[in-house]
Amino acid sequence: MASGNSTFSVLGADVTIRGDIDASVDLHVDGKVEGDIRCASIVQGEGSEIVGGVEAETARLSGTVRGTIKARDLAILRSARIEGDVHYDSLTIEQGAVVQGTFAQAGSQPVAAKTAPQADGSDEKPHITLAG
């Protein structure tokens, strides 16, 4: 974790954490986390993977997340692959991002993501694919 005068912590691409992370500072994740993350703000690198929930005031996700996401201000970038429910106040999704789960704005009921037809014409899995 960060020292008392640090404003952010970085988990490099070569780091794997197994367990929950609680941080009162901003967090930059380039490695792999197997556990829940709670922090002030999170920036996720493209090659990173989080298997667990993410809870932050602001989140900028560009890697893989398998778990529930709760953020006041959420940006899902084009390289992101999300498998889980998404709770937010403000949401931005770049073209090319993939989300499988439900969306719920704070204080509202969850809404299932629209299903995109599969190549065979079926639409079994709910997800959003914004292709560029």
C-alpha atoms as a PDB file:
ATOM      1  CA  MET A   1       0.000   0.000   0.000  1.00  0.00           C
ATOM      2  CA  ALA A   2       0.975   3.603  -0.322  1.00  0.00           C
ATOM      3  CA  SER A   3       2.750   5.624   2.359  1.00  0.00           C
ATOM      4  CA  GLY A   4       0.962   8.490   4.082  1.00  0.00           C
ATOM      5  CA  ASN A   5       2.154  11.139   1.600  1.00  0.00           C
ATOM      6  CA  SER A   6       1.488   9.171  -1.611  1.00  0.00           C
ATOM      7  CA  THR A   7      -1.525   9.971  -3.780  1.00  0.00           C
ATOM      8  CA  PHE A   8      -1.709   6.712  -5.760  1.00  0.00           C
ATOM      9  CA  SER A   9      -0.581   3.091  -5.770  1.00  0.00           C
ATOM     10  CA  VAL A  10       0.470   1.074  -8.820  1.00  0.00           C
ATOM     11  CA  LEU A  11       0.175  -2.677  -9.358  1.00  0.00           C
ATOM     12  CA  GLY A  12       2.529  -3.470 -12.258  1.00  0.00           C
ATOM     13  CA  ALA A  13       1.883  -5.922 -15.075  1.00  0.00           C
ATOM     14  CA  ASP A  14       4.070  -8.543 -13.362  1.00  0.00           C
ATOM     15  CA  VAL A  15       2.020  -8.446 -10.112  1.00  0.00           C
ATOM     16  CA  THR A  16      -0.753 -10.885  -9.138  1.00  0.00           C
ATOM     17  CA  ILE A  17      -2.753 -10.179  -5.973  1.00  0.00           C
ATOM     18  CA  ARG A  18      -4.972 -12.874  -4.446  1.00  0.00           C
ATOM     19  CA  GLY A  19      -7.202 -11.162  -1.903  1.00  0.00           C
ATOM     20  CA  ASP A  20      -9.238  -8.020  -1.433  1.00  0.00           C
ATOM     21  CA  ILE A  21      -7.721  -4.547  -1.802  1.00  0.00           C
ATOM     22  CA  ASP A  22      -8.904  -1.546   0.242  1.00  0.00           C
ATOM     23  CA  ALA A  23      -7.174   1.705  -0.655  1.00  0.00           C
ATOM     24  CA  SER A  24      -7.961   5.248   0.439  1.00  0.00           C
ATOM     25  CA  VAL A  25      -5.888   6.532  -2.499  1.00  0.00           C
ATOM     26  CA  ASP A  26      -6.106   6.220  -6.281  1.00  0.00           C
ATOM     27  CA  LEU A  27      -5.092   2.854  -7.720  1.00  0.00           C
ATOM     28  CA  HIS A  28      -3.577   1.983 -11.107  1.00  0.00           C
ATOM     29  CA  VAL A  29      -3.838  -1.730 -11.986  1.00  0.00           C
ATOM     30  CA  ASP A  30      -1.803  -3.258 -14.798  1.00  0.00           C
ATOM     31  CA  GLY A  31      -1.512  -6.752 -13.270  1.00  0.00           C
ATOM     32  CA  LYS A  32      -4.037  -9.342 -12.101  1.00  0.00           C
ATOM     33  CA  VAL A  33      -6.246  -9.093  -9.022  1.00  0.00           C
ATOM     34  CA  GLU A  34      -8.262 -12.050  -7.747  1.00  0.00           C
ATOM     35  CA  GLY A  35     -10.449 -10.339  -5.157  1.00  0.00           C
ATOM     36  CA  ASP A  36     -12.579  -7.272  -4.578  1.00  0.00           C
ATOM     37  CA  ILE A  37     -11.148  -3.767  -4.976  1.00  0.00           C
ATOM     38  CA  ARG A  38     -12.407  -0.727  -3.046  1.00  0.00           C
ATOM     39  CA  CYS A  39     -10.581   2.561  -3.630  1.00  0.00           C
ATOM     40  CA  ALA A  40     -11.053   6.269  -4.262  1.00  0.00           C
ATOM     41  CA  SER A  41     -10.324   5.996  -7.981  1.00  0.00           C
ATOM     42  CA  ILE A  42      -9.136   3.185 -10.248  1.00  0.00           C
ATOM     43  CA  VAL A  43      -7.447   3.191 -13.627  1.00  0.00           C
ATOM     44  CA  GLN A  44      -7.145  -0.253 -15.207  1.00  0.00           C
ATOM     45  CA  GLY A  45      -4.590  -0.975 -17.913  1.00  0.00           C
ATOM     46  CA  GLU A  46      -5.498  -2.818 -21.125  1.00  0.00           C
ATOM     47  CA  GLY A  47      -3.712  -6.072 -20.288  1.00  0.00           C
ATOM     48  CA  SER A  48      -4.921  -6.322 -16.712  1.00  0.00           C
ATOM     49  CA  GLU A  49      -7.540  -8.631 -15.249  1.00  0.00           C
ATOM     50  CA  ILE A  50      -9.742  -8.236 -12.181  1.00  0.00           C
ATOM     51  CA  VAL A  51     -11.702 -11.254 -10.969  1.00  0.00           C
ATOM     52  CA  GLY A  52     -13.898  -9.728  -8.287  1.00  0.00           C
ATOM     53  CA  GLY A  53     -15.937  -6.640  -7.589  1.00  0.00           C
ATOM     54  CA  VAL A  54     -14.770  -3.068  -8.158  1.00  0.00           C
ATOM     55  CA  GLU A  55     -16.068  -0.181  -6.037  1.00  0.00           C
ATOM     56  CA  ALA A  56     -14.734   3.348  -6.540  1.00  0.00           C
ATOM     57  CA  GLU A  57     -15.805   6.973  -6.869  1.00  0.00           C
ATOM     58  CA  THR A  58     -14.309   7.049 -10.359  1.00  0.00           C
ATOM     59  CA  ALA A  59     -13.289   4.114 -12.533  1.00  0.00           C
ATOM     60  CA  ARG A  60     -11.583   4.043 -15.935  1.00  0.00           C
ATOM     61  CA  LEU A  61     -11.551   0.434 -17.111  1.00  0.00           C
ATOM     62  CA  SER A  62      -9.728  -0.872 -20.173  1.00  0.00           C
ATOM     63  CA  GLY A  63      -8.894  -4.471 -19.248  1.00  0.00           C
ATOM     64  CA  THR A  64     -10.973  -7.494 -18.226  1.00  0.00           C
ATOM     65  CA  VAL A  65     -13.289  -7.396 -15.197  1.00  0.00           C
ATOM     66  CA  ARG A  66     -15.266 -10.427 -14.029  1.00  0.00           C
ATOM     67  CA  GLY A  67     -17.447  -9.088 -11.230  1.00  0.00           C
ATOM     68  CA  THR A  68     -19.825  -6.339 -10.157  1.00  0.00           C
ATOM     69  CA  ILE A  69     -18.743  -2.746 -10.766  1.00  0.00           C
ATOM     70  CA  LYS A  70     -19.990   0.175  -8.643  1.00  0.00           C
ATOM     71  CA  ALA A  71     -18.714   3.635  -9.521  1.00  0.00           C
ATOM     72  CA  ARG A  72     -20.089   7.149  -9.365  1.00  0.00           C
ATOM     73  CA  ASP A  73     -18.265   8.142 -12.571  1.00  0.00           C
ATOM     74  CA  LEU A  74     -17.513   5.157 -14.826  1.00  0.00           C
ATOM     75  CA  ALA A  75     -15.669   5.041 -18.155  1.00  0.00           C
ATOM     76  CA  ILE A  76     -15.461   1.732 -20.019  1.00  0.00           C
ATOM     77  CA  LEU A  77     -12.821   2.066 -22.718  1.00  0.00           C
ATOM     78  CA  ARG A  78     -12.765   0.330 -26.106  1.00  0.00           C
ATOM     79  CA  SER A  79     -10.409  -2.489 -25.015  1.00  0.00           C
ATOM     80  CA  ALA A  80     -12.499  -3.369 -21.923  1.00  0.00           C
ATOM     81  CA  ARG A  81     -14.206  -6.726 -21.504  1.00  0.00           C
ATOM     82  CA  ILE A  82     -16.698  -6.680 -18.617  1.00  0.00           C
ATOM     83  CA  GLU A  83     -18.612  -9.719 -17.302  1.00  0.00           C
ATOM     84  CA  GLY A  84     -20.859  -8.566 -14.481  1.00  0.00           C
ATOM     85  CA  ASP A  85     -23.415  -6.057 -13.334  1.00  0.00           C
ATOM     86  CA  VAL A  86     -22.617  -2.354 -13.657  1.00  0.00           C
ATOM     87  CA  HIS A  87     -23.898   0.296 -11.205  1.00  0.00           C
ATOM     88  CA  TYR A  88     -23.118   3.952 -11.902  1.00  0.00           C
ATOM     89  CA  ASP A  89     -24.191   7.593 -11.652  1.00  0.00           C
ATOM     90  CA  SER A  90     -22.424   8.695 -14.843  1.00  0.00           C
ATOM     91  CA  LEU A  91     -21.454   6.245 -17.605  1.00  0.00           C
ATOM     92  CA  THR A  92     -19.288   6.479 -20.726  1.00  0.00           C
ATOM     93  CA  ILE A  93     -18.732   3.469 -22.989  1.00  0.00           C
ATOM     94  CA  GLU A  94     -16.297   3.743 -25.876  1.00  0.00           C
ATOM     95  CA  GLN A  95     -17.075   2.098 -29.167  1.00  0.00           C
ATOM     96  CA  GLY A  96     -15.544  -1.408 -29.186  1.00  0.00           C
ATOM     97  CA  ALA A  97     -16.062  -2.193 -25.476  1.00  0.00           C
ATOM     98  CA  VAL A  98     -17.872  -5.428 -24.570  1.00  0.00           C
ATOM     99  CA  VAL A  99     -20.140  -5.706 -21.502  1.00  0.00           C
ATOM    100  CA  GLN A 100     -22.072  -8.808 -20.449  1.00  0.00           C
ATOM    101  CA  GLY A 101     -24.417  -8.094 -17.537  1.00  0.00           C
ATOM    102  CA  THR A 102     -26.979  -5.566 -16.386  1.00  0.00           C
ATOM    103  CA  PHE A 103     -26.742  -1.786 -16.086  1.00  0.00           C
ATOM    104  CA  ALA A 104     -28.303   0.182 -13.217  1.00  0.00           C
ATOM    105  CA  GLN A 105     -28.021   3.907 -12.697  1.00  0.00           C
ATOM    106  CA  ALA A 106     -27.829   4.775  -8.986  1.00  0.00           C
ATOM    107  CA  GLY A 107     -31.320   4.685  -7.520  1.00  0.00           C
ATOM    108  CA  SER A 108     -32.892   2.833 -10.476  1.00  0.00           C
ATOM    109  CA  GLN A 109     -33.765  -0.757 -11.240  1.00  0.00           C
ATOM    110  CA  PRO A 110     -31.207  -2.857 -13.180  1.00  0.00           C
ATOM    111  CA  VAL A 111     -31.715  -3.074 -16.921  1.00  0.00           C
ATOM    112  CA  ALA A 112     -30.427  -6.106 -18.821  1.00  0.00           C
ATOM    113  CA  ALA A 113     -27.983  -5.258 -21.553  1.00  0.00           C
ATOM    114  CA  LYS A 114     -29.454  -5.681 -25.014  1.00  0.00           C
ATOM    115  CA  THR A 115     -28.601  -8.932 -26.674  1.00  0.00           C
ATOM    116  CA  ALA A 116     -26.540  -8.775 -29.804  1.00  0.00           C
ATOM    117  CA  PRO A 117     -27.451 -11.499 -32.290  1.00  0.00           C
ATOM    118  CA  GLN A 118     -24.900 -14.287 -32.582  1.00  0.00           C
ATOM    119  CA  ALA A 119     -23.583 -15.383 -35.988  1.00  0.00           C
ATOM    120  CA  ASP A 120     -26.168 -18.186 -35.997  1.00  0.00           C
ATOM    121  CA  GLY A 121     -29.017 -15.702 -35.431  1.00  0.00           C
ATOM    122  CA  SER A 122     -29.579 -16.617 -31.763  1.00  0.00           C
ATOM    123  CA  ASP A 123     -29.273 -14.083 -28.960  1.00  0.00           C
ATOM    124  CA  GLU A 124     -28.666 -16.263 -25.907  1.00  0.00           C
ATOM    125  CA  LYS A 125     -26.187 -14.164 -23.884  1.00  0.00           C
ATOM    126  CA  PRO A 126     -27.070 -10.627 -22.821  1.00  0.00           C
ATOM    127  CA  HIS A 127     -24.241  -8.289 -23.762  1.00  0.00           C
ATOM    128  CA  ILE A 128     -23.409  -5.059 -25.470  1.00  0.00           C
ATOM    129  CA  THR A 129     -20.878  -4.968 -28.257  1.00  0.00           C
ATOM    130  CA  LEU A 130     -19.980  -1.601 -29.663  1.00  0.00           C
ATOM    131  CA  ALA A 131     -17.852  -2.314 -32.700  1.00  0.00           C
ATOM    132  CA  GLY A 132     -15.571   0.230 -34.275  1.00  0.00           C
END
